[in-house]
PDB file of N, CA and C in Angstrom:
ATOM      1  N   MET A   1     142.468  89.214 128.397  1.00  0.00           N
ATOM      2  CA  MET A   1     143.868  88.856 128.538  1.00  0.00           C
ATOM      3  C   MET A   1     143.933  87.259 128.797  1.00  0.00           C
ATOM      4  N   THR A   2     144.907  86.865 128.353  1.00  0.00           N
ATOM      5  CA  THR A   2     145.240  85.363 128.455  1.00  0.00           C
ATOM      6  C   THR A   2     146.341  85.314 129.446  1.00  0.00           C
ATOM      7  N   VAL A   3     146.551  84.180 130.211  1.00  0.00           N
ATOM      8  CA  VAL A   3     147.324  83.909 131.230  1.00  0.00           C
ATOM      9  C   VAL A   3     148.899  83.747 130.712  1.00  0.00           C
ATOM     10  N   SER A   4     149.135  83.691 129.307  1.00  0.00           N
ATOM     11  CA  SER A   4     150.511  83.658 128.751  1.00  0.00           C
ATOM     12  C   SER A   4     150.836  85.232 128.568  1.00  0.00           C
ATOM     13  N   GLU A   5     149.565  86.027 128.026  1.00  0.00           N
ATOM     14  CA  GLU A   5     150.042  87.590 127.920  1.00  0.00           C
ATOM     15  C   GLU A   5     150.273  88.065 129.063  1.00  0.00           C
ATOM     16  N   LEU A   6     149.718  87.866 130.190  1.00  0.00           N
ATOM     17  CA  LEU A   6     149.983  88.255 131.510  1.00  0.00           C
ATOM     18  C   LEU A   6     151.560  87.775 132.196  1.00  0.00           C
ATOM     19  N   ALA A   7     151.679  86.537 131.934  1.00  0.00           N
ATOM     20  CA  ALA A   7     153.202  86.126 132.083  1.00  0.00           C
ATOM     21  C   ALA A   7     154.073  87.276 131.381  1.00  0.00           C
ATOM     22  N   ALA A   8     153.883  87.626 130.295  1.00  0.00           N
ATOM     23  CA  ALA A   8     154.807  88.402 129.516  1.00  0.00           C
ATOM     24  C   ALA A   8     155.030  89.749 130.023  1.00  0.00           C
ATOM     25  N   VAL A   9     154.248  90.174 130.983  1.00  0.00           N
ATOM     26  CA  VAL A   9     153.934  91.597 131.396  1.00  0.00           C
ATOM     27  C   VAL A   9     155.176  91.685 132.489  1.00  0.00           C
ATOM     28  N   GLN A  10     156.054  92.990 132.535  1.00  0.00           N
ATOM     29  CA  GLN A  10     156.999  93.156 133.434  1.00  0.00           C
ATOM     30  C   GLN A  10     156.297  92.986 134.818  1.00  0.00           C
ATOM     31  N   GLY A  11     156.939  92.270 135.640  1.00  0.00           N
ATOM     32  CA  GLY A  11     156.547  92.056 137.142  1.00  0.00           C
ATOM     33  C   GLY A  11     156.059  90.646 137.245  1.00  0.00           C
ATOM     34  N   PHE A  12     155.684  90.200 136.220  1.00  0.00           N
ATOM     35  CA  PHE A  12     154.895  88.769 136.342  1.00  0.00           C
ATOM     36  C   PHE A  12     155.755  87.664 135.987  1.00  0.00           C
ATOM     37  N   LYS A  13     155.930  86.423 136.320  1.00  0.00           N
ATOM     38  CA  LYS A  13     156.861  85.489 135.797  1.00  0.00           C
ATOM     39  C   LYS A  13     156.131  84.262 135.778  1.00  0.00           C
ATOM     40  N   ALA A  14     156.249  83.039 134.738  1.00  0.00           N
ATOM     41  CA  ALA A  14     155.489  81.874 134.667  1.00  0.00           C
ATOM     42  C   ALA A  14     156.227  81.044 135.516  1.00  0.00           C
ATOM     43  N   VAL A  15     155.524  80.167 136.337  1.00  0.00           N
ATOM     44  CA  VAL A  15     156.243  78.946 137.126  1.00  0.00           C
ATOM     45  C   VAL A  15     155.711  77.791 136.239  1.00  0.00           C
ATOM     46  N   THR A  16     154.601  77.643 136.137  1.00  0.00           N
ATOM     47  CA  THR A  16     153.726  76.396 135.199  1.00  0.00           C
ATOM     48  C   THR A  16     152.669  77.175 134.189  1.00  0.00           C
ATOM     49  N   LEU A  17     152.805  76.742 133.131  1.00  0.00           N
ATOM     50  CA  LEU A  17     151.985  77.353 132.100  1.00  0.00           C
ATOM     51  C   LEU A  17     151.405  76.315 131.244  1.00  0.00           C
ATOM     52  N   PRO A  18     150.747  75.281 131.609  1.00  0.00           N
ATOM     53  CA  PRO A  18     150.415  74.109 130.945  1.00  0.00           C
ATOM     54  C   PRO A  18     148.911  74.546 129.990  1.00  0.00           C
ATOM     55  N   ASP A  19     148.215  75.692 130.183  1.00  0.00           N
ATOM     56  CA  ASP A  19     147.184  76.341 129.573  1.00  0.00           C
ATOM     57  C   ASP A  19     147.192  77.725 129.523  1.00  0.00           C
ATOM     58  N   GLY A  20     148.348  77.852 128.804  1.00  0.00           N
ATOM     59  CA  GLY A  20     148.693  79.695 128.831  1.00  0.00           C
ATOM     60  C   GLY A  20     147.585  80.332 128.149  1.00  0.00           C
ATOM     61  N   GLU A  21     146.622  79.742 127.230  1.00  0.00           N
ATOM     62  CA  GLU A  21     145.643  80.529 126.352  1.00  0.00           C
ATOM     63  C   GLU A  21     144.351  80.672 127.299  1.00  0.00           C
ATOM     64  N   ARG A  22     144.392  79.940 128.445  1.00  0.00           N
ATOM     65  CA  ARG A  22     143.284  80.295 129.252  1.00  0.00           C
ATOM     66  C   ARG A  22     142.917  81.885 129.326  1.00  0.00           C
ATOM     67  N   LYS A  23     141.785  82.280 129.317  1.00  0.00           N
ATOM     68  CA  LYS A  23     141.329  83.695 129.528  1.00  0.00           C
ATOM     69  C   LYS A  23     141.214  84.164 130.990  1.00  0.00           C
ATOM     70  N   ILE A  24     141.423  85.459 131.253  1.00  0.00           N
ATOM     71  CA  ILE A  24     141.424  85.949 132.606  1.00  0.00           C
ATOM     72  C   ILE A  24     140.236  86.767 132.770  1.00  0.00           C
ATOM     73  N   ASN A  25     139.254  86.657 133.423  1.00  0.00           N
ATOM     74  CA  ASN A  25     138.111  87.301 133.420  1.00  0.00           C
ATOM     75  C   ASN A  25     137.917  88.323 134.569  1.00  0.00           C
ATOM     76  N   GLY A  26     138.587  87.979 135.739  1.00  0.00           N
ATOM     77  CA  GLY A  26     138.575  88.584 137.138  1.00  0.00           C
ATOM     78  C   GLY A  26     139.752  88.142 138.008  1.00  0.00           C
ATOM     79  N   VAL A  27     139.463  88.667 139.108  1.00  0.00           N
ATOM     80  CA  VAL A  27     140.711  88.773 140.144  1.00  0.00           C
ATOM     81  C   VAL A  27     140.014  88.184 141.514  1.00  0.00           C
ATOM     82  N   TYR A  28     140.766  87.454 142.181  1.00  0.00           N
ATOM     83  CA  TYR A  28     140.076  87.141 143.460  1.00  0.00           C
ATOM     84  C   TYR A  28     141.415  87.136 144.211  1.00  0.00           C
ATOM     85  N   ILE A  29     141.478  87.516 145.640  1.00  0.00           N
ATOM     86  CA  ILE A  29     142.692  87.749 146.356  1.00  0.00           C
ATOM     87  C   ILE A  29     142.116  86.809 147.759  1.00  0.00           C
ATOM     88  N   GLY A  30     142.811  85.870 148.287  1.00  0.00           N
ATOM     89  CA  GLY A  30     142.775  85.182 149.329  1.00  0.00           C
ATOM     90  C   GLY A  30     143.428  84.203 149.685  1.00  0.00           C
ATOM     91  N   ASP A  31     143.865  83.944 150.927  1.00  0.00           N
ATOM     92  CA  ASP A  31     144.897  82.984 151.433  1.00  0.00           C
ATOM     93  C   ASP A  31     144.222  81.947 152.288  1.00  0.00           C
ATOM     94  N   LEU A  32     142.688  81.770 152.762  1.00  0.00           N
ATOM     95  CA  LEU A  32     142.021  80.962 153.328  1.00  0.00           C
ATOM     96  C   LEU A  32     141.539  79.828 152.468  1.00  0.00           C
ATOM     97  N   LEU A  33     141.936  78.858 152.224  1.00  0.00           N
ATOM     98  CA  LEU A  33     141.760  77.974 151.078  1.00  0.00           C
ATOM     99  C   LEU A  33     140.158  77.795 150.962  1.00  0.00           C
ATOM    100  N   SER A  34     139.575  77.608 151.883  1.00  0.00           N
ATOM    101  CA  SER A  34     137.995  77.259 152.053  1.00  0.00           C
ATOM    102  C   SER A  34     137.279  78.391 151.638  1.00  0.00           C
ATOM    103  N   TRP A  35     137.773  79.461 151.819  1.00  0.00           N
ATOM    104  CA  TRP A  35     137.147  80.606 151.482  1.00  0.00           C
ATOM    105  C   TRP A  35     137.307  80.960 149.789  1.00  0.00           C
ATOM    106  N   VAL A  36     138.493  80.605 149.612  1.00  0.00           N
ATOM    107  CA  VAL A  36     138.718  80.675 148.016  1.00  0.00           C
ATOM    108  C   VAL A  36     137.855  79.652 147.101  1.00  0.00           C
ATOM    109  N   MET A  37     137.588  78.568 147.676  1.00  0.00           N
ATOM    110  CA  MET A  37     136.923  77.470 147.220  1.00  0.00           C
ATOM    111  C   MET A  37     135.606  77.958 146.989  1.00  0.00           C
ATOM    112  N   GLY A  38     134.965  78.651 147.782  1.00  0.00           N
ATOM    113  CA  GLY A  38     133.616  79.060 147.791  1.00  0.00           C
ATOM    114  C   GLY A  38     133.227  80.083 147.195  1.00  0.00           C
ATOM    115  N   ARG A  39     134.360  81.356 147.027  1.00  0.00           N
ATOM    116  CA  ARG A  39     133.829  82.634 146.401  1.00  0.00           C
ATOM    117  C   ARG A  39     134.823  82.991 145.370  1.00  0.00           C
ATOM    118  N   ALA A  40     136.015  82.225 144.823  1.00  0.00           N
ATOM    119  CA  ALA A  40     136.483  82.542 143.758  1.00  0.00           C
ATOM    120  C   ALA A  40     135.667  82.025 142.471  1.00  0.00           C
ATOM    121  N   LYS A  41     135.785  82.777 141.393  1.00  0.00           N
ATOM    122  CA  LYS A  41     134.973  82.404 140.067  1.00  0.00           C
ATOM    123  C   LYS A  41     135.914  81.793 139.341  1.00  0.00           C
ATOM    124  N   ALA A  42     135.337  81.173 138.402  1.00  0.00           N
ATOM    125  CA  ALA A  42     135.608  80.440 137.252  1.00  0.00           C
ATOM    126  C   ALA A  42     136.481  81.440 136.359  1.00  0.00           C
ATOM    127  N   ASP A  43     137.678  81.053 136.026  1.00  0.00           N
ATOM    128  CA  ASP A  43     138.295  82.188 134.964  1.00  0.00           C
ATOM    129  C   ASP A  43     139.173  83.252 136.081  1.00  0.00           C
ATOM    130  N   ASP A  44     138.784  83.456 137.133  1.00  0.00           N
ATOM    131  CA  ASP A  44     139.354  84.528 138.143  1.00  0.00           C
ATOM    132  C   ASP A  44     141.059  83.870 137.916  1.00  0.00           C
ATOM    133  N   ALA A  45     141.696  85.118 138.182  1.00  0.00           N
ATOM    134  CA  ALA A  45     143.146  85.069 138.521  1.00  0.00           C
ATOM    135  C   ALA A  45     143.212  85.001 140.087  1.00  0.00           C
ATOM    136  N   TRP A  46     143.784  83.970 140.772  1.00  0.00           N
ATOM    137  CA  TRP A  46     143.764  83.842 142.178  1.00  0.00           C
ATOM    138  C   TRP A  46     144.851  84.319 142.858  1.00  0.00           C
ATOM    139  N   ILE A  47     145.151  85.381 143.304  1.00  0.00           N
ATOM    140  CA  ILE A  47     146.257  86.190 144.059  1.00  0.00           C
ATOM    141  C   ILE A  47     146.326  85.646 145.490  1.00  0.00           C
ATOM    142  N   THR A  48     147.501  84.995 145.783  1.00  0.00           N
ATOM    143  CA  THR A  48     147.729  84.372 147.224  1.00  0.00           C
ATOM    144  C   THR A  48     149.085  84.533 147.896  1.00  0.00           C
ATOM    145  N   ILE A  49     149.553  84.255 148.781  1.00  0.00           N
ATOM    146  CA  ILE A  49     150.727  84.030 149.361  1.00  0.00           C
ATOM    147  C   ILE A  49     150.948  82.415 149.744  1.00  0.00           C
ATOM    148  N   MET A  50     149.829  81.626 149.598  1.00  0.00           N
ATOM    149  CA  MET A  50     150.077  80.148 150.009  1.00  0.00           C
ATOM    150  C   MET A  50     150.733  79.456 148.679  1.00  0.00           C
ATOM    151  N   SER A  51     151.798  78.591 149.114  1.00  0.00           N
ATOM    152  CA  SER A  51     152.465  77.940 148.330  1.00  0.00           C
ATOM    153  C   SER A  51     152.735  76.440 148.359  1.00  0.00           C
ATOM    154  N   ASN A  52     151.737  76.075 149.435  1.00  0.00           N
ATOM    155  CA  ASN A  52     151.616  74.540 149.675  1.00  0.00           C
ATOM    156  C   ASN A  52     150.779  73.573 148.681  1.00  0.00           C
ATOM    157  N   ILE A  53     150.843  72.611 148.410  1.00  0.00           N
ATOM    158  CA  ILE A  53     150.370  71.404 147.612  1.00  0.00           C
ATOM    159  C   ILE A  53     148.982  71.624 147.303  1.00  0.00           C
ATOM    160  N   ASN A  54     148.217  72.315 148.398  1.00  0.00           N
ATOM    161  CA  ASN A  54     146.880  72.353 148.481  1.00  0.00           C
ATOM    162  C   ASN A  54     146.410  73.473 147.510  1.00  0.00           C
ATOM    163  N   ILE A  55     147.249  74.336 146.889  1.00  0.00           N
ATOM    164  CA  ILE A  55     146.952  75.451 146.130  1.00  0.00           C
ATOM    165  C   ILE A  55     146.299  74.851 144.729  1.00  0.00           C
ATOM    166  N   ALA A  56     147.036  73.794 144.433  1.00  0.00           N
ATOM    167  CA  ALA A  56     146.587  73.148 143.176  1.00  0.00           C
ATOM    168  C   ALA A  56     145.241  72.442 143.213  1.00  0.00           C
ATOM    169  N   ALA A  57     144.902  71.850 144.224  1.00  0.00           N
ATOM    170  CA  ALA A  57     143.511  71.536 144.349  1.00  0.00           C
ATOM    171  C   ALA A  57     142.458  72.247 144.422  1.00  0.00           C
ATOM    172  N   VAL A  58     142.736  73.503 145.071  1.00  0.00           N
ATOM    173  CA  VAL A  58     141.953  74.579 145.436  1.00  0.00           C
ATOM    174  C   VAL A  58     141.610  75.566 143.970  1.00  0.00           C
ATOM    175  N   ALA A  59     142.790  75.485 143.123  1.00  0.00           N
ATOM    176  CA  ALA A  59     142.905  76.115 141.744  1.00  0.00           C
ATOM    177  C   ALA A  59     141.910  75.277 140.937  1.00  0.00           C
ATOM    178  N   ALA A  60     141.941  73.935 140.884  1.00  0.00           N
ATOM    179  CA  ALA A  60     141.053  72.895 140.098  1.00  0.00           C
ATOM    180  C   ALA A  60     139.662  72.936 140.448  1.00  0.00           C
ATOM    181  N   LEU A  61     139.418  72.898 141.815  1.00  0.00           N
ATOM    182  CA  LEU A  61     138.110  73.092 142.352  1.00  0.00           C
ATOM    183  C   LEU A  61     137.191  74.017 141.966  1.00  0.00           C
ATOM    184  N   ALA A  62     138.147  75.358 142.046  1.00  0.00           N
ATOM    185  CA  ALA A  62     137.390  76.554 141.840  1.00  0.00           C
ATOM    186  C   ALA A  62     137.287  76.890 140.192  1.00  0.00           C
ATOM    187  N   ASP A  63     138.262  76.092 139.624  1.00  0.00           N
ATOM    188  CA  ASP A  63     138.437  76.623 138.036  1.00  0.00           C
ATOM    189  C   ASP A  63     138.996  77.903 137.734  1.00  0.00           C
ATOM    190  N   VAL A  64     139.992  78.374 138.666  1.00  0.00           N
ATOM    191  CA  VAL A  64     140.474  79.830 138.114  1.00  0.00           C
ATOM    192  C   VAL A  64     141.348  79.588 137.139  1.00  0.00           C
ATOM    193  N   ALA A  65     141.593  80.610 136.613  1.00  0.00           N
ATOM    194  CA  ALA A  65     142.520  80.582 135.163  1.00  0.00           C
ATOM    195  C   ALA A  65     143.815  80.390 135.571  1.00  0.00           C
ATOM    196  N   CYS A  66     144.288  81.005 136.896  1.00  0.00           N
ATOM    197  CA  CYS A  66     145.555  80.938 137.214  1.00  0.00           C
ATOM    198  C   CYS A  66     145.697  81.273 138.830  1.00  0.00           C
ATOM    199  N   VAL A  67     146.859  80.921 139.213  1.00  0.00           N
ATOM    200  CA  VAL A  67     147.215  81.289 140.700  1.00  0.00           C
ATOM    201  C   VAL A  67     148.182  82.376 140.318  1.00  0.00           C
ATOM    202  N   ILE A  68     148.273  83.437 141.001  1.00  0.00           N
ATOM    203  CA  ILE A  68     149.225  84.204 141.262  1.00  0.00           C
ATOM    204  C   ILE A  68     149.861  84.315 142.545  1.00  0.00           C
ATOM    205  N   LEU A  69     151.265  83.933 142.596  1.00  0.00           N
ATOM    206  CA  LEU A  69     152.145  84.109 143.819  1.00  0.00           C
ATOM    207  C   LEU A  69     152.446  85.412 144.163  1.00  0.00           C
ATOM    208  N   ALA A  70     151.924  86.141 145.169  1.00  0.00           N
ATOM    209  CA  ALA A  70     152.406  87.489 145.407  1.00  0.00           C
ATOM    210  C   ALA A  70     153.554  87.697 146.016  1.00  0.00           C
ATOM    211  N   GLU A  71     154.356  88.717 146.381  1.00  0.00           N
ATOM    212  CA  GLU A  71     155.337  88.752 147.262  1.00  0.00           C
ATOM    213  C   GLU A  71     156.564  87.843 147.076  1.00  0.00           C
ATOM    214  N   GLY A  72     156.649  87.546 145.559  1.00  0.00           N
ATOM    215  CA  GLY A  72     157.850  86.967 145.212  1.00  0.00           C
ATOM    216  C   GLY A  72     158.030  85.415 145.861  1.00  0.00           C
ATOM    217  N   VAL A  73     156.878  84.730 146.369  1.00  0.00           N
ATOM    218  CA  VAL A  73     156.712  83.509 146.831  1.00  0.00           C
ATOM    219  C   VAL A  73     157.003  82.628 145.764  1.00  0.00           C
ATOM    220  N   GLU A  74     157.910  81.481 146.097  1.00  0.00           N
ATOM    221  CA  GLU A  74     158.221  80.620 145.322  1.00  0.00           C
ATOM    222  C   GLU A  74     157.750  79.136 145.665  1.00  0.00           C
ATOM    223  N   LEU A  75     157.660  78.255 144.709  1.00  0.00           N
ATOM    224  CA  LEU A  75     157.006  77.016 144.796  1.00  0.00           C
ATOM    225  C   LEU A  75     158.195  75.731 144.658  1.00  0.00           C
ATOM    226  N   ASP A  76     157.971  74.791 145.626  1.00  0.00           N
ATOM    227  CA  ASP A  76     158.914  73.800 145.601  1.00  0.00           C
ATOM    228  C   ASP A  76     158.503  72.777 144.106  1.00  0.00           C
ATOM    229  N   THR A  77     159.260  72.123 143.992  1.00  0.00           N
ATOM    230  CA  THR A  77     159.380  70.920 142.840  1.00  0.00           C
ATOM    231  C   THR A  77     157.907  70.048 142.721  1.00  0.00           C
ATOM    232  N   ALA A  78     157.647  69.723 143.911  1.00  0.00           N
ATOM    233  CA  ALA A  78     156.546  68.639 144.269  1.00  0.00           C
ATOM    234  C   ALA A  78     155.438  69.601 143.483  1.00  0.00           C
ATOM    235  N   VAL A  79     154.939  71.019 143.999  1.00  0.00           N
ATOM    236  CA  VAL A  79     153.911  71.565 143.988  1.00  0.00           C
ATOM    237  C   VAL A  79     153.817  72.016 142.174  1.00  0.00           C
ATOM    238  N   LYS A  80     155.061  72.303 141.706  1.00  0.00           N
ATOM    239  CA  LYS A  80     155.041  72.586 140.392  1.00  0.00           C
ATOM    240  C   LYS A  80     154.531  71.601 139.594  1.00  0.00           C
ATOM    241  N   GLU A  81     155.312  70.260 139.830  1.00  0.00           N
ATOM    242  CA  GLU A  81     154.777  68.948 139.177  1.00  0.00           C
ATOM    243  C   GLU A  81     153.289  68.638 139.333  1.00  0.00           C
ATOM    244  N   THR A  82     152.693  68.975 140.744  1.00  0.00           N
ATOM    245  CA  THR A  82     151.291  68.665 140.444  1.00  0.00           C
ATOM    246  C   THR A  82     150.380  69.569 139.957  1.00  0.00           C
ATOM    247  N   ALA A  83     150.960  70.964 139.791  1.00  0.00           N
ATOM    248  CA  ALA A  83     150.248  71.932 138.855  1.00  0.00           C
ATOM    249  C   ALA A  83     150.057  71.708 137.287  1.00  0.00           C
ATOM    250  N   ASN A  84     151.447  71.281 137.051  1.00  0.00           N
ATOM    251  CA  ASN A  84     151.281  70.994 135.699  1.00  0.00           C
ATOM    252  C   ASN A  84     150.484  69.585 135.299  1.00  0.00           C
ATOM    253  N   ALA A  85     150.385  68.688 136.132  1.00  0.00           N
ATOM    254  CA  ALA A  85     149.935  67.373 136.014  1.00  0.00           C
ATOM    255  C   ALA A  85     148.289  67.735 135.720  1.00  0.00           C
ATOM    256  N   LYS A  86     147.717  68.740 136.745  1.00  0.00           N
ATOM    257  CA  LYS A  86     146.507  69.235 136.904  1.00  0.00           C
ATOM    258  C   LYS A  86     145.745  70.243 135.846  1.00  0.00           C
ATOM    259  N   GLY A  87     147.070  70.485 135.004  1.00  0.00           N
ATOM    260  CA  GLY A  87     146.571  71.821 134.262  1.00  0.00           C
ATOM    261  C   GLY A  87     146.343  73.184 134.768  1.00  0.00           C
ATOM    262  N   ILE A  88     147.071  73.423 135.850  1.00  0.00           N
ATOM    263  CA  ILE A  88     146.920  74.675 136.644  1.00  0.00           C
ATOM    264  C   ILE A  88     148.238  75.681 136.252  1.00  0.00           C
ATOM    265  N   ASN A  89     147.743  76.775 135.794  1.00  0.00           N
ATOM    266  CA  ASN A  89     148.726  77.813 135.562  1.00  0.00           C
ATOM    267  C   ASN A  89     149.202  78.489 136.939  1.00  0.00           C
ATOM    268  N   ILE A  90     150.484  78.792 136.896  1.00  0.00           N
ATOM    269  CA  ILE A  90     150.847  79.361 138.137  1.00  0.00           C
ATOM    270  C   ILE A  90     152.020  80.503 137.802  1.00  0.00           C
ATOM    271  N   LEU A  91     151.799  81.793 138.299  1.00  0.00           N
ATOM    272  CA  LEU A  91     152.677  82.886 137.997  1.00  0.00           C
ATOM    273  C   LEU A  91     153.168  83.428 139.444  1.00  0.00           C
ATOM    274  N   THR A  92     154.381  84.131 139.458  1.00  0.00           N
ATOM    275  CA  THR A  92     154.733  84.872 140.611  1.00  0.00           C
ATOM    276  C   THR A  92     154.865  86.247 140.166  1.00  0.00           C
ATOM    277  N   ALA A  93     154.634  87.133 141.295  1.00  0.00           N
ATOM    278  CA  ALA A  93     154.861  88.529 141.289  1.00  0.00           C
ATOM    279  C   ALA A  93     155.755  88.982 142.665  1.00  0.00           C
ATOM    280  N   GLY A  94     156.580  89.783 142.237  1.00  0.00           N
ATOM    281  CA  GLY A  94     157.471  90.456 143.625  1.00  0.00           C
ATOM    282  C   GLY A  94     156.772  91.375 144.287  1.00  0.00           C
ATOM    283  N   MET A  95     155.569  91.667 143.542  1.00  0.00           N
ATOM    284  CA  MET A  95     154.818  92.786 144.487  1.00  0.00           C
ATOM    285  C   MET A  95     153.637  92.364 145.330  1.00  0.00           C
ATOM    286  N   PRO A  96     153.389  93.075 146.379  1.00  0.00           N
ATOM    287  CA  PRO A  96     152.275  93.090 147.401  1.00  0.00           C
ATOM    288  C   PRO A  96     151.221  92.459 146.665  1.00  0.00           C
ATOM    289  N   ALA A  97     150.070  91.654 147.193  1.00  0.00           N
ATOM    290  CA  ALA A  97     148.931  91.216 146.586  1.00  0.00           C
ATOM    291  C   ALA A  97     148.094  92.436 146.263  1.00  0.00           C
ATOM    292  N   TYR A  98     147.945  93.622 146.798  1.00  0.00           N
ATOM    293  CA  TYR A  98     147.208  94.673 146.445  1.00  0.00           C
ATOM    294  C   TYR A  98     147.653  95.031 145.102  1.00  0.00           C
ATOM    295  N   GLU A  99     149.019  95.389 144.952  1.00  0.00           N
ATOM    296  CA  GLU A  99     149.654  96.144 144.004  1.00  0.00           C
ATOM    297  C   GLU A  99     149.643  95.059 142.655  1.00  0.00           C
ATOM    298  N   THR A 100     149.667  93.813 142.933  1.00  0.00           N
ATOM    299  CA  THR A 100     149.534  92.645 141.879  1.00  0.00           C
ATOM    300  C   THR A 100     148.110  92.791 141.362  1.00  0.00           C
ATOM    301  N   ALA A 101     147.214  92.884 142.134  1.00  0.00           N
ATOM    302  CA  ALA A 101     145.923  92.978 141.693  1.00  0.00           C
ATOM    303  C   ALA A 101     145.600  94.348 141.004  1.00  0.00           C
ATOM    304  N   MET A 102     146.074  95.363 141.154  1.00  0.00           N
ATOM    305  CA  MET A 102     145.950  96.632 140.473  1.00  0.00           C
ATOM    306  C   MET A 102     146.696  96.440 139.205  1.00  0.00           C
ATOM    307  N   ALA A 103     147.918  95.894 139.089  1.00  0.00           N
ATOM    308  CA  ALA A 103     148.629  95.616 137.706  1.00  0.00           C
ATOM    309  C   ALA A 103     147.774  94.962 136.976  1.00  0.00           C
ATOM    310  N   LEU A 104     147.162  93.864 137.594  1.00  0.00           N
ATOM    311  CA  LEU A 104     146.241  92.918 136.471  1.00  0.00           C
ATOM    312  C   LEU A 104     145.036  93.673 136.285  1.00  0.00           C
ATOM    313  N   ALA A 105     144.624  94.365 137.301  1.00  0.00           N
ATOM    314  CA  ALA A 105     143.004  94.837 136.806  1.00  0.00           C
ATOM    315  C   ALA A 105     143.115  96.009 135.935  1.00  0.00           C
ATOM    316  N   SER A 106     144.320  96.874 135.825  1.00  0.00           N
ATOM    317  CA  SER A 106     144.381  97.814 134.750  1.00  0.00           C
ATOM    318  C   SER A 106     144.496  97.232 133.228  1.00  0.00           C
ATOM    319  N   ARG A 107     144.649  95.868 133.277  1.00  0.00           N
ATOM    320  CA  ARG A 107     145.042  95.245 131.902  1.00  0.00           C
ATOM    321  C   ARG A 107     143.796  94.175 131.600  1.00  0.00           C
ATOM    322  N   LEU A 108     142.606  94.087 132.396  1.00  0.00           N
ATOM    323  CA  LEU A 108     141.524  93.583 132.059  1.00  0.00           C
ATOM    324  C   LEU A 108     140.306  94.281 131.376  1.00  0.00           C
TER     325      LEU A 108
END
């Protein structure tokens, strides 16, 4: 599944989508940024509730396909601009992280 395809699924919404054709091959859930850097795999969808500017850097370092902000977390304009500039796809989901992962995993 691509990030654009996921963004079209009910319950998910694109916030930034500079590389929507990027394929998602797995899921990683985590909020401790140093932990995510060392454990998320390339092409994972990273589910988190973190919304600060550092998520763009961590997403780039881990080479994840996208960041999914669970629980309806929103981004401020500066983070959106940075994510777009770095080519980071970010989506939101109103569901808790576990339910978000289950909705995604059923489509992979």
